[in-house]
N, C-alpha and C. Protein backbone atom coordinates (compact mmCIF):
# COMPACT_ATOMS: atom_id res chain seq x y z
N PHE A 1 31.82 35.85 37.45
CA PHE A 1 31.43 34.57 37.97
C PHE A 1 29.95 34.57 38.39
N PHE A 2 29.53 35.61 39.06
CA PHE A 2 28.14 35.69 39.50
C PHE A 2 27.18 35.68 38.32
N PHE A 3 27.51 36.45 37.28
CA PHE A 3 26.65 36.51 36.10
C PHE A 3 26.53 35.14 35.45
N PHE A 4 27.65 34.42 35.32
CA PHE A 4 27.62 33.11 34.69
C PHE A 4 26.75 32.15 35.51
N HIS A 5 26.90 32.20 36.82
CA HIS A 5 26.12 31.33 37.68
C HIS A 5 24.63 31.66 37.56
N PHE A 6 24.31 32.93 37.50
CA PHE A 6 22.91 33.35 37.38
C PHE A 6 22.34 32.94 36.03
N ALA A 7 23.10 33.10 34.96
CA ALA A 7 22.62 32.77 33.62
C ALA A 7 22.49 31.27 33.44
N ALA A 8 23.31 30.50 34.13
CA ALA A 8 23.27 29.06 33.97
C ALA A 8 22.12 28.44 34.75
N LYS A 9 21.55 29.18 35.67
CA LYS A 9 20.46 28.67 36.47
C LYS A 9 19.24 28.46 35.56
N ARG A 10 18.70 27.26 35.58
CA ARG A 10 17.58 26.94 34.70
C ARG A 10 16.26 27.16 35.42
N THR A 11 15.33 27.72 34.70
CA THR A 11 13.99 27.82 35.27
C THR A 11 13.22 26.60 34.80
N LYS A 12 12.39 26.10 35.64
CA LYS A 12 11.67 24.88 35.32
C LYS A 12 10.33 25.25 34.66
N SER A 13 10.07 24.65 33.51
CA SER A 13 8.80 24.90 32.84
C SER A 13 7.76 23.92 33.38
N PRO A 14 6.49 24.24 33.24
CA PRO A 14 5.45 23.36 33.77
C PRO A 14 5.52 21.97 33.13
N PRO A 15 5.10 20.94 33.86
CA PRO A 15 5.18 19.57 33.33
C PRO A 15 4.39 19.40 32.03
N SER A 16 3.24 20.06 31.89
CA SER A 16 2.46 19.92 30.67
C SER A 16 3.23 20.45 29.46
N LEU A 17 3.96 21.54 29.65
CA LEU A 17 4.76 22.09 28.56
C LEU A 17 5.92 21.16 28.24
N GLN A 18 6.51 20.57 29.27
CA GLN A 18 7.61 19.63 29.03
C GLN A 18 7.14 18.42 28.24
N ARG A 19 5.96 17.89 28.61
CA ARG A 19 5.42 16.75 27.86
C ARG A 19 5.15 17.12 26.41
N ARG A 20 4.60 18.30 26.20
CA ARG A 20 4.28 18.76 24.84
C ARG A 20 5.55 18.90 24.01
N LEU A 21 6.61 19.45 24.62
CA LEU A 21 7.87 19.61 23.90
C LEU A 21 8.48 18.25 23.56
N ARG A 22 8.39 17.29 24.49
CA ARG A 22 8.91 15.95 24.20
C ARG A 22 8.14 15.30 23.06
N SER A 23 6.81 15.45 23.06
CA SER A 23 6.02 14.83 21.99
C SER A 23 6.33 15.50 20.65
N LEU A 24 6.54 16.81 20.66
CA LEU A 24 6.89 17.50 19.41
C LEU A 24 8.24 17.05 18.89
N SER A 25 9.21 16.84 19.80
CA SER A 25 10.53 16.41 19.34
C SER A 25 10.45 14.99 18.78
N ARG A 26 9.59 14.13 19.38
CA ARG A 26 9.41 12.79 18.82
C ARG A 26 8.74 12.85 17.47
N LEU A 27 7.80 13.76 17.31
CA LEU A 27 7.11 13.92 16.04
C LEU A 27 8.09 14.38 14.97
N ASP A 28 8.97 15.30 15.32
CA ASP A 28 9.99 15.75 14.36
C ASP A 28 10.89 14.59 13.97
N GLN A 29 11.26 13.74 14.93
CA GLN A 29 12.13 12.62 14.62
C GLN A 29 11.44 11.62 13.71
N ARG A 30 10.12 11.43 13.88
CA ARG A 30 9.39 10.51 13.01
C ARG A 30 9.40 11.01 11.58
N HIS A 31 9.32 12.31 11.40
CA HIS A 31 9.30 12.85 10.04
C HIS A 31 10.67 12.83 9.40
N ILE A 32 11.72 12.83 10.21
CA ILE A 32 13.07 12.85 9.67
C ILE A 32 13.48 11.46 9.18
N ARG A 33 13.03 10.43 9.89
CA ARG A 33 13.40 9.07 9.50
C ARG A 33 12.87 8.75 8.11
N THR A 34 13.68 8.04 7.36
CA THR A 34 13.23 7.63 6.03
C THR A 34 13.42 6.14 5.89
N ASP A 35 12.63 5.54 5.08
CA ASP A 35 12.72 4.11 4.82
C ASP A 35 13.81 3.90 3.78
N PRO A 36 14.82 3.08 4.07
CA PRO A 36 15.90 2.90 3.11
C PRO A 36 15.46 2.17 1.85
N GLN A 37 14.33 1.45 1.90
CA GLN A 37 13.85 0.73 0.74
C GLN A 37 13.23 1.65 -0.30
N VAL A 38 12.69 2.78 0.16
CA VAL A 38 12.00 3.69 -0.74
C VAL A 38 12.98 4.78 -1.17
N PRO A 39 13.24 4.89 -2.46
CA PRO A 39 14.15 5.95 -2.90
C PRO A 39 13.50 7.32 -2.72
N PRO A 40 14.29 8.34 -2.45
CA PRO A 40 13.70 9.68 -2.28
C PRO A 40 13.10 10.16 -3.59
N LYS A 41 12.02 10.94 -3.45
CA LYS A 41 11.37 11.49 -4.64
C LYS A 41 12.23 12.60 -5.21
N ARG A 42 12.38 12.57 -6.49
CA ARG A 42 13.10 13.64 -7.16
C ARG A 42 12.14 14.28 -8.15
N ASP A 43 12.05 15.56 -8.06
CA ASP A 43 11.18 16.27 -8.99
C ASP A 43 11.83 16.26 -10.36
N ILE A 44 11.04 15.87 -11.33
CA ILE A 44 11.52 15.88 -12.71
C ILE A 44 11.30 17.29 -13.24
N PRO A 45 12.38 17.94 -13.66
CA PRO A 45 12.21 19.30 -14.15
C PRO A 45 11.42 19.30 -15.45
N MET A 46 10.40 20.13 -15.46
CA MET A 46 9.57 20.28 -16.66
C MET A 46 9.98 21.58 -17.34
N PRO A 47 10.01 21.56 -18.66
CA PRO A 47 10.34 22.80 -19.35
C PRO A 47 9.22 23.81 -19.12
N PRO A 48 9.55 25.08 -19.01
CA PRO A 48 8.51 26.08 -18.80
C PRO A 48 7.55 26.10 -19.99
N LEU A 49 6.31 26.33 -19.70
CA LEU A 49 5.27 26.33 -20.72
C LEU A 49 4.83 27.77 -20.97
N THR A 50 4.78 28.13 -22.22
CA THR A 50 4.36 29.48 -22.58
C THR A 50 2.96 29.40 -23.18
N ILE A 51 2.03 30.07 -22.54
CA ILE A 51 0.66 30.14 -23.05
C ILE A 51 0.62 31.25 -24.10
N PRO A 52 0.01 31.00 -25.25
CA PRO A 52 -0.07 32.05 -26.28
C PRO A 52 -0.77 33.30 -25.75
N GLU A 53 -0.39 34.42 -26.32
CA GLU A 53 -0.93 35.73 -25.88
C GLU A 53 -2.45 35.77 -25.94
N ASP A 54 -3.04 35.21 -26.98
CA ASP A 54 -4.51 35.29 -27.13
C ASP A 54 -5.24 34.43 -26.10
N LYS A 55 -4.55 33.50 -25.47
CA LYS A 55 -5.17 32.62 -24.47
C LYS A 55 -4.85 33.02 -23.03
N GLN A 56 -4.00 34.03 -22.85
CA GLN A 56 -3.59 34.44 -21.50
C GLN A 56 -4.78 34.86 -20.63
N ASP A 57 -5.65 35.72 -21.19
CA ASP A 57 -6.80 36.19 -20.41
C ASP A 57 -7.73 35.04 -20.05
N GLU A 58 -7.98 34.18 -21.01
CA GLU A 58 -8.84 33.02 -20.76
C GLU A 58 -8.21 32.11 -19.69
N TRP A 59 -6.90 31.92 -19.77
CA TRP A 59 -6.17 31.09 -18.81
C TRP A 59 -6.33 31.63 -17.39
N HIS A 60 -6.11 32.93 -17.24
CA HIS A 60 -6.22 33.54 -15.90
C HIS A 60 -7.66 33.49 -15.39
N LYS A 61 -8.61 33.73 -16.27
CA LYS A 61 -10.01 33.69 -15.89
C LYS A 61 -10.40 32.28 -15.43
N LEU A 62 -9.95 31.27 -16.17
CA LEU A 62 -10.26 29.89 -15.80
C LEU A 62 -9.58 29.48 -14.49
N GLN A 63 -8.37 29.97 -14.27
CA GLN A 63 -7.68 29.66 -13.02
C GLN A 63 -8.42 30.26 -11.82
N GLU A 64 -8.87 31.50 -11.96
CA GLU A 64 -9.63 32.14 -10.88
C GLU A 64 -10.95 31.41 -10.65
N GLN A 65 -11.60 31.05 -11.76
CA GLN A 65 -12.87 30.33 -11.67
C GLN A 65 -12.65 28.98 -10.97
N HIS A 66 -11.59 28.30 -11.32
CA HIS A 66 -11.28 27.01 -10.71
C HIS A 66 -11.03 27.16 -9.21
N ALA A 67 -10.29 28.19 -8.82
CA ALA A 67 -10.02 28.42 -7.40
C ALA A 67 -11.32 28.71 -6.64
N GLN A 68 -12.19 29.51 -7.23
CA GLN A 68 -13.48 29.81 -6.58
C GLN A 68 -14.33 28.55 -6.44
N GLN A 69 -14.36 27.75 -7.49
CA GLN A 69 -15.15 26.51 -7.43
C GLN A 69 -14.62 25.57 -6.36
N ARG A 70 -13.30 25.45 -6.25
CA ARG A 70 -12.71 24.59 -5.23
C ARG A 70 -13.06 25.11 -3.83
N LYS A 71 -13.03 26.43 -3.68
CA LYS A 71 -13.37 27.05 -2.39
C LYS A 71 -14.83 26.75 -2.02
N HIS A 72 -15.73 26.91 -2.99
CA HIS A 72 -17.14 26.62 -2.74
C HIS A 72 -17.35 25.15 -2.42
N LEU A 73 -16.62 24.28 -3.11
CA LEU A 73 -16.73 22.84 -2.86
C LEU A 73 -16.27 22.52 -1.43
N GLN A 74 -15.17 23.10 -1.01
CA GLN A 74 -14.68 22.85 0.35
C GLN A 74 -15.68 23.34 1.40
N ASN A 75 -16.27 24.50 1.17
CA ASN A 75 -17.29 25.02 2.10
C ASN A 75 -18.49 24.09 2.16
N THR A 76 -18.93 23.62 1.00
CA THR A 76 -20.09 22.73 0.94
C THR A 76 -19.80 21.41 1.66
N VAL A 77 -18.62 20.86 1.44
CA VAL A 77 -18.25 19.61 2.10
C VAL A 77 -18.18 19.81 3.61
N GLY A 78 -17.66 20.95 4.05
CA GLY A 78 -17.61 21.25 5.48
C GLY A 78 -18.99 21.37 6.10
N GLN A 79 -19.89 22.06 5.41
CA GLN A 79 -21.26 22.19 5.91
C GLN A 79 -21.95 20.83 5.96
N LEU A 80 -21.69 20.01 4.96
CA LEU A 80 -22.28 18.68 4.93
C LEU A 80 -21.78 17.84 6.09
N ALA A 81 -20.51 17.94 6.42
CA ALA A 81 -19.95 17.18 7.54
C ALA A 81 -20.58 17.63 8.86
N VAL A 82 -20.77 18.94 9.02
CA VAL A 82 -21.40 19.45 10.26
C VAL A 82 -22.82 18.93 10.39
N LEU A 83 -23.57 18.96 9.28
CA LEU A 83 -24.95 18.47 9.33
C LEU A 83 -25.01 16.98 9.61
N GLU A 84 -24.07 16.22 9.06
CA GLU A 84 -24.05 14.78 9.33
C GLU A 84 -23.78 14.51 10.81
N ARG A 85 -22.87 15.28 11.41
CA ARG A 85 -22.60 15.11 12.84
C ARG A 85 -23.83 15.46 13.68
N GLU A 86 -24.49 16.54 13.33
CA GLU A 86 -25.69 16.95 14.07
C GLU A 86 -26.80 15.92 13.93
N LYS A 87 -26.95 15.39 12.73
CA LYS A 87 -27.98 14.37 12.49
C LYS A 87 -27.67 13.12 13.32
N ALA A 88 -26.42 12.71 13.35
CA ALA A 88 -26.03 11.55 14.14
C ALA A 88 -26.27 11.81 15.63
N ARG A 89 -25.95 13.03 16.07
CA ARG A 89 -26.17 13.37 17.47
C ARG A 89 -27.66 13.32 17.82
N ASN A 90 -28.49 13.84 16.92
CA ASN A 90 -29.94 13.79 17.15
C ASN A 90 -30.44 12.35 17.18
N GLY A 91 -29.88 11.50 16.32
CA GLY A 91 -30.27 10.10 16.32
C GLY A 91 -29.92 9.42 17.64
N LEU A 92 -28.72 9.70 18.14
CA LEU A 92 -28.32 9.13 19.43
C LEU A 92 -29.21 9.65 20.56
N THR A 93 -29.54 10.93 20.50
CA THR A 93 -30.41 11.51 21.54
C THR A 93 -31.78 10.86 21.50
N ASN A 94 -32.31 10.65 20.31
CA ASN A 94 -33.62 10.00 20.19
C ASN A 94 -33.60 8.58 20.73
N THR A 95 -32.54 7.83 20.45
CA THR A 95 -32.47 6.46 20.97
C THR A 95 -32.39 6.47 22.50
N GLU A 96 -31.67 7.42 23.06
CA GLU A 96 -31.59 7.51 24.52
C GLU A 96 -32.93 7.93 25.12
N LEU A 97 -33.64 8.84 24.45
CA LEU A 97 -34.94 9.27 24.95
C LEU A 97 -35.97 8.15 24.86
N ASP A 98 -35.85 7.29 23.85
CA ASP A 98 -36.78 6.17 23.71
C ASP A 98 -36.61 5.16 24.85
N LYS A 99 -35.43 5.08 25.42
CA LYS A 99 -35.17 4.14 26.51
C LYS A 99 -35.79 4.61 27.82
N LEU A 100 -36.08 5.92 27.94
CA LEU A 100 -36.62 6.47 29.19
C LEU A 100 -38.11 6.18 29.31
N PRO A 101 -38.60 6.06 30.54
CA PRO A 101 -40.06 5.90 30.72
C PRO A 101 -40.80 7.17 30.30
N ALA A 102 -42.06 7.01 29.93
CA ALA A 102 -42.87 8.13 29.42
C ALA A 102 -43.06 9.24 30.47
N GLU A 103 -43.08 8.89 31.74
CA GLU A 103 -43.33 9.89 32.79
C GLU A 103 -42.08 10.63 33.25
N THR A 104 -40.96 10.43 32.58
CA THR A 104 -39.72 11.10 32.96
C THR A 104 -39.84 12.60 32.73
N VAL A 105 -39.40 13.38 33.72
CA VAL A 105 -39.43 14.84 33.62
C VAL A 105 -38.24 15.26 32.76
N MET A 106 -38.50 16.08 31.73
CA MET A 106 -37.44 16.54 30.84
C MET A 106 -37.40 18.05 30.83
N TYR A 107 -36.20 18.56 30.63
CA TYR A 107 -36.00 20.00 30.59
C TYR A 107 -35.32 20.37 29.28
N LYS A 108 -35.76 21.47 28.73
CA LYS A 108 -35.20 21.97 27.48
C LYS A 108 -34.52 23.30 27.78
N GLN A 109 -33.31 23.46 27.22
CA GLN A 109 -32.57 24.69 27.47
C GLN A 109 -33.09 25.80 26.57
N VAL A 110 -33.40 26.94 27.19
CA VAL A 110 -33.83 28.13 26.47
C VAL A 110 -32.93 29.26 26.96
N GLY A 111 -31.93 29.60 26.16
CA GLY A 111 -30.97 30.61 26.60
C GLY A 111 -30.16 30.06 27.75
N LYS A 112 -30.20 30.78 28.90
CA LYS A 112 -29.46 30.34 30.07
C LYS A 112 -30.33 29.57 31.06
N MET A 113 -31.60 29.44 30.74
CA MET A 113 -32.48 28.75 31.68
C MET A 113 -33.00 27.45 31.08
N PHE A 114 -33.56 26.61 31.95
CA PHE A 114 -34.12 25.33 31.53
C PHE A 114 -35.62 25.35 31.82
N VAL A 115 -36.39 24.89 30.83
CA VAL A 115 -37.84 24.90 30.95
C VAL A 115 -38.31 23.45 30.91
N GLN A 116 -39.21 23.11 31.85
CA GLN A 116 -39.75 21.75 31.86
C GLN A 116 -40.61 21.57 30.62
N THR A 117 -40.36 20.46 29.90
CA THR A 117 -41.05 20.21 28.63
C THR A 117 -41.49 18.75 28.59
N PRO A 118 -42.67 18.48 28.08
CA PRO A 118 -43.11 17.08 27.96
C PRO A 118 -42.18 16.30 27.02
N GLY A 119 -41.98 15.02 27.34
CA GLY A 119 -41.08 14.18 26.56
C GLY A 119 -41.49 14.06 25.10
N ALA A 120 -42.78 13.97 24.85
CA ALA A 120 -43.26 13.84 23.47
C ALA A 120 -42.91 15.07 22.65
N GLN A 121 -43.00 16.23 23.26
CA GLN A 121 -42.66 17.47 22.55
C GLN A 121 -41.16 17.52 22.24
N VAL A 122 -40.34 17.09 23.19
CA VAL A 122 -38.89 17.09 22.97
C VAL A 122 -38.55 16.15 21.81
N LYS A 123 -39.16 14.97 21.81
CA LYS A 123 -38.90 14.00 20.74
C LYS A 123 -39.35 14.54 19.39
N SER A 124 -40.53 15.19 19.36
CA SER A 124 -41.03 15.72 18.08
C SER A 124 -40.15 16.86 17.57
N GLU A 125 -39.64 17.69 18.48
CA GLU A 125 -38.74 18.77 18.07
C GLU A 125 -37.43 18.22 17.50
N ILE A 126 -36.91 17.18 18.14
CA ILE A 126 -35.68 16.58 17.64
C ILE A 126 -35.92 15.93 16.28
N SER A 127 -37.06 15.28 16.12
CA SER A 127 -37.38 14.66 14.82
C SER A 127 -37.53 15.71 13.73
N ALA A 128 -38.20 16.82 14.06
CA ALA A 128 -38.36 17.90 13.08
C ALA A 128 -37.01 18.50 12.70
N GLU A 129 -36.15 18.65 13.69
CA GLU A 129 -34.80 19.18 13.43
C GLU A 129 -34.01 18.22 12.54
N THR A 130 -34.16 16.93 12.77
CA THR A 130 -33.47 15.93 11.95
C THR A 130 -33.97 15.97 10.52
N LYS A 131 -35.27 16.14 10.33
CA LYS A 131 -35.82 16.25 8.96
C LYS A 131 -35.29 17.49 8.26
N THR A 132 -35.16 18.58 9.00
CA THR A 132 -34.59 19.81 8.42
C THR A 132 -33.15 19.56 8.00
N TYR A 133 -32.40 18.85 8.84
CA TYR A 133 -31.02 18.52 8.49
C TYR A 133 -30.97 17.66 7.22
N GLU A 134 -31.88 16.70 7.12
CA GLU A 134 -31.89 15.82 5.94
C GLU A 134 -32.17 16.59 4.66
N THR A 135 -33.13 17.52 4.70
CA THR A 135 -33.42 18.29 3.50
C THR A 135 -32.24 19.19 3.13
N ARG A 136 -31.65 19.80 4.13
CA ARG A 136 -30.48 20.65 3.88
C ARG A 136 -29.31 19.82 3.35
N MET A 137 -29.15 18.60 3.87
CA MET A 137 -28.08 17.73 3.39
C MET A 137 -28.31 17.33 1.94
N SER A 138 -29.55 17.06 1.57
CA SER A 138 -29.82 16.70 0.16
C SER A 138 -29.52 17.87 -0.76
N GLU A 139 -29.83 19.09 -0.31
CA GLU A 139 -29.49 20.27 -1.10
C GLU A 139 -27.97 20.41 -1.25
N LEU A 140 -27.25 20.17 -0.16
CA LEU A 140 -25.80 20.30 -0.20
C LEU A 140 -25.15 19.21 -1.05
N VAL A 141 -25.72 18.00 -1.05
CA VAL A 141 -25.20 16.93 -1.90
C VAL A 141 -25.37 17.31 -3.37
N THR A 142 -26.49 17.91 -3.70
CA THR A 142 -26.73 18.36 -5.07
C THR A 142 -25.73 19.46 -5.44
N LYS A 143 -25.52 20.39 -4.52
CA LYS A 143 -24.54 21.46 -4.75
C LYS A 143 -23.15 20.89 -4.94
N ARG A 144 -22.79 19.92 -4.08
CA ARG A 144 -21.46 19.32 -4.16
C ARG A 144 -21.23 18.66 -5.51
N SER A 145 -22.22 17.92 -5.99
CA SER A 145 -22.05 17.26 -7.29
C SER A 145 -21.97 18.29 -8.41
N ALA A 146 -22.71 19.39 -8.29
CA ALA A 146 -22.64 20.44 -9.31
C ALA A 146 -21.25 21.09 -9.30
N TYR A 147 -20.71 21.36 -8.11
CA TYR A 147 -19.37 21.94 -8.04
C TYR A 147 -18.31 20.98 -8.57
N GLU A 148 -18.45 19.70 -8.26
CA GLU A 148 -17.48 18.72 -8.77
C GLU A 148 -17.51 18.67 -10.29
N THR A 149 -18.71 18.71 -10.87
CA THR A 149 -18.84 18.70 -12.32
C THR A 149 -18.23 19.97 -12.92
N ALA A 150 -18.50 21.11 -12.30
CA ALA A 150 -17.96 22.38 -12.80
C ALA A 150 -16.43 22.38 -12.71
N ILE A 151 -15.89 21.82 -11.64
CA ILE A 151 -14.44 21.76 -11.48
C ILE A 151 -13.83 20.89 -12.57
N LYS A 152 -14.44 19.75 -12.84
CA LYS A 152 -13.94 18.87 -13.90
C LYS A 152 -13.98 19.57 -15.26
N ASP A 153 -15.06 20.30 -15.52
CA ASP A 153 -15.16 21.03 -16.78
C ASP A 153 -14.07 22.10 -16.90
N THR A 154 -13.86 22.83 -15.81
CA THR A 154 -12.83 23.87 -15.81
C THR A 154 -11.45 23.26 -15.99
N GLU A 155 -11.20 22.15 -15.31
CA GLU A 155 -9.92 21.48 -15.47
C GLU A 155 -9.73 20.99 -16.90
N GLY A 156 -10.80 20.51 -17.51
CA GLY A 156 -10.74 20.09 -18.91
C GLY A 156 -10.40 21.25 -19.84
N GLN A 157 -11.00 22.41 -19.58
CA GLN A 157 -10.71 23.59 -20.39
C GLN A 157 -9.26 24.04 -20.21
N LEU A 158 -8.78 24.00 -18.96
CA LEU A 158 -7.38 24.36 -18.71
C LEU A 158 -6.44 23.37 -19.40
N GLN A 159 -6.78 22.10 -19.34
CA GLN A 159 -5.94 21.09 -19.98
C GLN A 159 -5.94 21.27 -21.49
N ALA A 160 -7.07 21.67 -22.05
CA ALA A 160 -7.13 21.91 -23.49
C ALA A 160 -6.21 23.06 -23.89
N ILE A 161 -6.18 24.10 -23.08
CA ILE A 161 -5.28 25.23 -23.38
C ILE A 161 -3.83 24.78 -23.31
N VAL A 162 -3.51 23.96 -22.30
CA VAL A 162 -2.14 23.45 -22.16
C VAL A 162 -1.77 22.57 -23.35
N ASP A 163 -2.71 21.71 -23.73
CA ASP A 163 -2.44 20.81 -24.87
C ASP A 163 -2.21 21.60 -26.16
N LYS A 164 -2.99 22.65 -26.36
CA LYS A 164 -2.81 23.49 -27.56
C LYS A 164 -1.46 24.20 -27.50
N ALA A 165 -1.07 24.65 -26.31
CA ALA A 165 0.21 25.34 -26.17
C ALA A 165 1.37 24.39 -26.44
N VAL A 166 1.25 23.15 -25.95
CA VAL A 166 2.32 22.16 -26.19
C VAL A 166 2.37 21.79 -27.67
N ALA A 167 1.20 21.62 -28.28
CA ALA A 167 1.15 21.26 -29.70
C ALA A 167 1.70 22.38 -30.56
N ALA A 168 1.51 23.61 -30.13
CA ALA A 168 2.00 24.76 -30.91
C ALA A 168 3.47 25.01 -30.64
N GLY A 169 4.08 24.20 -29.78
CA GLY A 169 5.51 24.40 -29.50
C GLY A 169 5.75 25.44 -28.44
N GLY A 170 4.82 25.56 -27.50
CA GLY A 170 4.95 26.57 -26.44
C GLY A 170 5.97 26.19 -25.38
N ALA A 171 6.41 24.92 -25.39
CA ALA A 171 7.42 24.51 -24.39
C ALA A 171 8.77 24.98 -24.87
N GLU A 172 9.50 25.60 -23.98
CA GLU A 172 10.81 26.14 -24.35
C GLU A 172 11.91 25.15 -24.07
C-alpha cells in the first residue's frame, strides 16, 4: 500500500514546461486532423527503373554532382539572406542616426569597451560596411544564378539517362 501511494504521488513540473507540453499536444492534434473534402494522397507505385550498366557510373557521378550543387546553392542562399538582414539593419541604423542632432555624443563598441567616436565617422563606417555588403551580395547573386543553371543542366542530364533507360525497356 505504501509503495502504491508513493508511486501515485505526482511531481509538479514547472509551468513553462506544462505550457510547452500543452502547445505540443495541440500541434499534434492539428496535424492529425484531416479535411474530409480532400482525399488522402496515395502514392502511385512506379515500376523499378534499371539503368544500363554503361550508364551506372555516369548516373552516380551526376547524382553526387547534383547533391553538391544543391548544397552550394543552399549555402549561397543562406549567406545572401544574412547579408540582406545586415544591410537592412545598417539602413535602419543610418536612418536613426540621421534623426539625431550633429552634436550628439556617440560610442562605438571595440571588444568589451566603448570608445567615443564622432557621429560623422560612425555614419561613414556604416555606409562603407553597407557598400561592402552590396558588393558581396552581387557576387552571391551571380553565384546563385550559376548554381541554379548548373543544377538545371545536371537535372537535364539525369533526365536524359532516365529517358534512355525507359526507351530501352529498362522498366521492369
